[in-house]
């Protein structure tokens, strides 16, 4: 499901994320979307998802060997926040497969190559 329609158009991160989820689920991987953030409750309090700040958008594992991976999705112009860089450093210090994917091809490269820290 790769689309090059309109070389001047930039895909949204949401679109890229959905394409990556579909591609990896067909590529002998189980993949989850990490819903992170806070919402304001009717009584004025905030509810946090509980995941740490900077947690990547997607995570999962390869069926072939159970190796876990994390993927931060960005579009062509997307920039990493400081908390995402801190999370990357923690993952890198433990040699965990992870990276920034701006396309399905990036995500497949990260997962298949067991790359640690691609795009950071």
C-alpha atoms as a PDB file:
ATOM      1  CA  UNK A   1       0.000   0.000   0.000  1.00  0.00           C
ATOM      2  CA  UNK A   2       2.671   2.437  -0.892  1.00  0.00           C
ATOM      3  CA  UNK A   3       1.510   5.582  -2.557  1.00  0.00           C
ATOM      4  CA  UNK A   4       3.560   8.156  -4.313  1.00  0.00           C
ATOM      5  CA  UNK A   5       0.563  10.188  -5.350  1.00  0.00           C
ATOM      6  CA  UNK A   6       1.487  13.811  -5.651  1.00  0.00           C
ATOM      7  CA  UNK A   7       5.193  14.160  -4.996  1.00  0.00           C
ATOM      8  CA  UNK A   8       4.507  17.552  -3.404  1.00  0.00           C
ATOM      9  CA  UNK A   9       1.973  16.184  -0.919  1.00  0.00           C
ATOM     10  CA  UNK A  10       3.106  15.058   2.510  1.00  0.00           C
ATOM     11  CA  UNK A  11       1.360  12.100   4.090  1.00  0.00           C
ATOM     12  CA  UNK A  12       0.052  12.536   7.604  1.00  0.00           C
ATOM     13  CA  UNK A  13       1.692  10.582  10.416  1.00  0.00           C
ATOM     14  CA  UNK A  14      -1.647   8.863  10.997  1.00  0.00           C
ATOM     15  CA  UNK A  15      -1.730   7.615   7.380  1.00  0.00           C
ATOM     16  CA  UNK A  16       1.877   6.393   7.546  1.00  0.00           C
ATOM     17  CA  UNK A  17       1.177   4.708  10.888  1.00  0.00           C
ATOM     18  CA  UNK A  18      -1.814   2.792   9.492  1.00  0.00           C
ATOM     19  CA  UNK A  19       0.210   1.714   6.440  1.00  0.00           C
ATOM     20  CA  UNK A  20       3.035   0.473   8.679  1.00  0.00           C
ATOM     21  CA  UNK A  21       0.605  -1.430  10.924  1.00  0.00           C
ATOM     22  CA  UNK A  22      -0.929  -3.168   7.914  1.00  0.00           C
ATOM     23  CA  UNK A  23       2.412  -3.984   6.287  1.00  0.00           C
ATOM     24  CA  UNK A  24       3.996  -5.376   9.459  1.00  0.00           C
ATOM     25  CA  UNK A  25       0.912  -7.408  10.342  1.00  0.00           C
ATOM     26  CA  UNK A  26       1.302  -9.086   6.923  1.00  0.00           C
ATOM     27  CA  UNK A  27       5.037  -9.521   7.542  1.00  0.00           C
ATOM     28  CA  UNK A  28       4.943 -12.101  10.338  1.00  0.00           C
ATOM     29  CA  UNK A  29       4.775  -9.513  13.099  1.00  0.00           C
ATOM     30  CA  UNK A  30       2.307  -8.612  15.794  1.00  0.00           C
ATOM     31  CA  UNK A  31       2.069  -4.857  16.168  1.00  0.00           C
ATOM     32  CA  UNK A  32       0.318  -2.561  18.617  1.00  0.00           C
ATOM     33  CA  UNK A  33      -0.443   1.147  18.574  1.00  0.00           C
ATOM     34  CA  UNK A  34       0.540   2.904  21.769  1.00  0.00           C
ATOM     35  CA  UNK A  35      -2.118   5.423  22.675  1.00  0.00           C
ATOM     36  CA  UNK A  36      -0.299   7.971  24.751  1.00  0.00           C
ATOM     37  CA  UNK A  37      -1.278  11.296  26.158  1.00  0.00           C
ATOM     38  CA  UNK A  38      -3.582  12.947  28.628  1.00  0.00           C
ATOM     39  CA  UNK A  39      -7.253  13.832  28.508  1.00  0.00           C
ATOM     40  CA  UNK A  40      -9.191  16.184  30.716  1.00  0.00           C
ATOM     41  CA  UNK A  41     -11.977  14.494  32.637  1.00  0.00           C
ATOM     42  CA  UNK A  42     -15.363  16.198  33.177  1.00  0.00           C
ATOM     43  CA  UNK A  43     -14.396  16.975  36.782  1.00  0.00           C
ATOM     44  CA  UNK A  44     -11.301  18.883  35.615  1.00  0.00           C
ATOM     45  CA  UNK A  45      -8.710  16.241  36.532  1.00  0.00           C
ATOM     46  CA  UNK A  46      -6.362  14.829  33.893  1.00  0.00           C
ATOM     47  CA  UNK A  47      -6.086  11.144  33.032  1.00  0.00           C
ATOM     48  CA  UNK A  48      -2.779   9.839  31.669  1.00  0.00           C
ATOM     49  CA  UNK A  49      -2.490   6.606  29.674  1.00  0.00           C
ATOM     50  CA  UNK A  50       0.262   5.461  31.987  1.00  0.00           C
ATOM     51  CA  UNK A  51       2.898   4.925  29.321  1.00  0.00           C
ATOM     52  CA  UNK A  52       6.116   6.860  29.864  1.00  0.00           C
ATOM     53  CA  UNK A  53       6.720  10.162  28.115  1.00  0.00           C
ATOM     54  CA  UNK A  54       8.377   9.641  24.736  1.00  0.00           C
ATOM     55  CA  UNK A  55       7.051   6.080  24.269  1.00  0.00           C
ATOM     56  CA  UNK A  56       7.084   5.279  20.519  1.00  0.00           C
ATOM     57  CA  UNK A  57       3.874   5.160  18.458  1.00  0.00           C
ATOM     58  CA  UNK A  58       4.089   1.465  17.576  1.00  0.00           C
ATOM     59  CA  UNK A  59       5.586  -1.605  19.186  1.00  0.00           C
ATOM     60  CA  UNK A  60       5.441  -5.308  18.571  1.00  0.00           C
ATOM     61  CA  UNK A  61       7.380  -8.500  17.998  1.00  0.00           C
ATOM     62  CA  UNK A  62       8.561 -10.698  15.162  1.00  0.00           C
ATOM     63  CA  UNK A  63       6.953 -14.142  15.003  1.00  0.00           C
ATOM     64  CA  UNK A  64      10.175 -15.730  13.774  1.00  0.00           C
ATOM     65  CA  UNK A  65      12.154 -15.126  16.951  1.00  0.00           C
ATOM     66  CA  UNK A  66       9.987 -13.117  19.370  1.00  0.00           C
ATOM     67  CA  UNK A  67      12.299 -10.096  19.053  1.00  0.00           C
ATOM     68  CA  UNK A  68      10.528  -6.937  20.235  1.00  0.00           C
ATOM     69  CA  UNK A  69      10.693  -3.673  18.315  1.00  0.00           C
ATOM     70  CA  UNK A  70       9.540  -0.065  18.749  1.00  0.00           C
ATOM     71  CA  UNK A  71       8.773   2.387  15.935  1.00  0.00           C
ATOM     72  CA  UNK A  72       8.322   6.136  16.193  1.00  0.00           C
ATOM     73  CA  UNK A  73       6.322   7.327  13.173  1.00  0.00           C
ATOM     74  CA  UNK A  74       7.058  10.711  11.627  1.00  0.00           C
ATOM     75  CA  UNK A  75       6.071  12.238   8.325  1.00  0.00           C
ATOM     76  CA  UNK A  76       8.595  13.867   5.998  1.00  0.00           C
ATOM     77  CA  UNK A  77       8.686  17.057   8.076  1.00  0.00           C
ATOM     78  CA  UNK A  78       8.160  15.518  11.530  1.00  0.00           C
ATOM     79  CA  UNK A  79      10.717  16.236  14.242  1.00  0.00           C
ATOM     80  CA  UNK A  80      11.524  14.297  17.383  1.00  0.00           C
ATOM     81  CA  UNK A  81      10.640  15.794  20.762  1.00  0.00           C
ATOM     82  CA  UNK A  82      13.245  15.822  23.550  1.00  0.00           C
ATOM     83  CA  UNK A  83      11.332  13.139  25.509  1.00  0.00           C
ATOM     84  CA  UNK A  84      11.362  10.869  22.434  1.00  0.00           C
ATOM     85  CA  UNK A  85      15.135  11.245  22.191  1.00  0.00           C
ATOM     86  CA  UNK A  86      15.486  10.353  25.883  1.00  0.00           C
ATOM     87  CA  UNK A  87      13.362   7.223  25.336  1.00  0.00           C
ATOM     88  CA  UNK A  88      15.521   6.321  22.315  1.00  0.00           C
ATOM     89  CA  UNK A  89      18.682   6.593  24.435  1.00  0.00           C
ATOM     90  CA  UNK A  90      17.190   4.205  27.001  1.00  0.00           C
ATOM     91  CA  UNK A  91      16.250   1.679  24.289  1.00  0.00           C
ATOM     92  CA  UNK A  92      19.678   2.017  22.656  1.00  0.00           C
ATOM     93  CA  UNK A  93      21.426   1.421  25.981  1.00  0.00           C
ATOM     94  CA  UNK A  94      19.688  -1.975  26.115  1.00  0.00           C
ATOM     95  CA  UNK A  95      20.278  -2.769  22.426  1.00  0.00           C
ATOM     96  CA  UNK A  96      16.518  -2.846  21.688  1.00  0.00           C
ATOM     97  CA  UNK A  97      15.391  -2.783  18.048  1.00  0.00           C
ATOM     98  CA  UNK A  98      13.820   0.619  17.389  1.00  0.00           C
ATOM     99  CA  UNK A  99      13.831   3.523  15.010  1.00  0.00           C
ATOM    100  CA  UNK A 100      12.046   6.374  13.326  1.00  0.00           C
ATOM    101  CA  UNK A 101       9.972   5.336  10.320  1.00  0.00           C
ATOM    102  CA  UNK A 102       8.809   7.883   7.773  1.00  0.00           C
ATOM    103  CA  UNK A 103       7.547   5.130   5.451  1.00  0.00           C
ATOM    104  CA  UNK A 104       6.613   1.461   5.310  1.00  0.00           C
ATOM    105  CA  UNK A 105      10.034   0.803   3.813  1.00  0.00           C
ATOM    106  CA  UNK A 106      11.758   2.357   6.852  1.00  0.00           C
ATOM    107  CA  UNK A 107       9.679   0.226   9.237  1.00  0.00           C
ATOM    108  CA  UNK A 108      10.427  -3.001   7.358  1.00  0.00           C
ATOM    109  CA  UNK A 109      14.128  -2.137   7.286  1.00  0.00           C
ATOM    110  CA  UNK A 110      14.170  -1.501  11.057  1.00  0.00           C
ATOM    111  CA  UNK A 111      12.328  -4.728  11.876  1.00  0.00           C
ATOM    112  CA  UNK A 112      14.004  -7.038   9.338  1.00  0.00           C
ATOM    113  CA  UNK A 113      17.470  -5.665   9.991  1.00  0.00           C
ATOM    114  CA  UNK A 114      17.037  -5.579  13.780  1.00  0.00           C
ATOM    115  CA  UNK A 115      18.369  -2.021  13.631  1.00  0.00           C
ATOM    116  CA  UNK A 116      18.904  -0.144  16.888  1.00  0.00           C
ATOM    117  CA  UNK A 117      18.231   3.599  16.672  1.00  0.00           C
ATOM    118  CA  UNK A 118      17.590   4.161  12.970  1.00  0.00           C
ATOM    119  CA  UNK A 119      16.711   7.780  12.222  1.00  0.00           C
ATOM    120  CA  UNK A 120      17.463   9.263  15.649  1.00  0.00           C
END
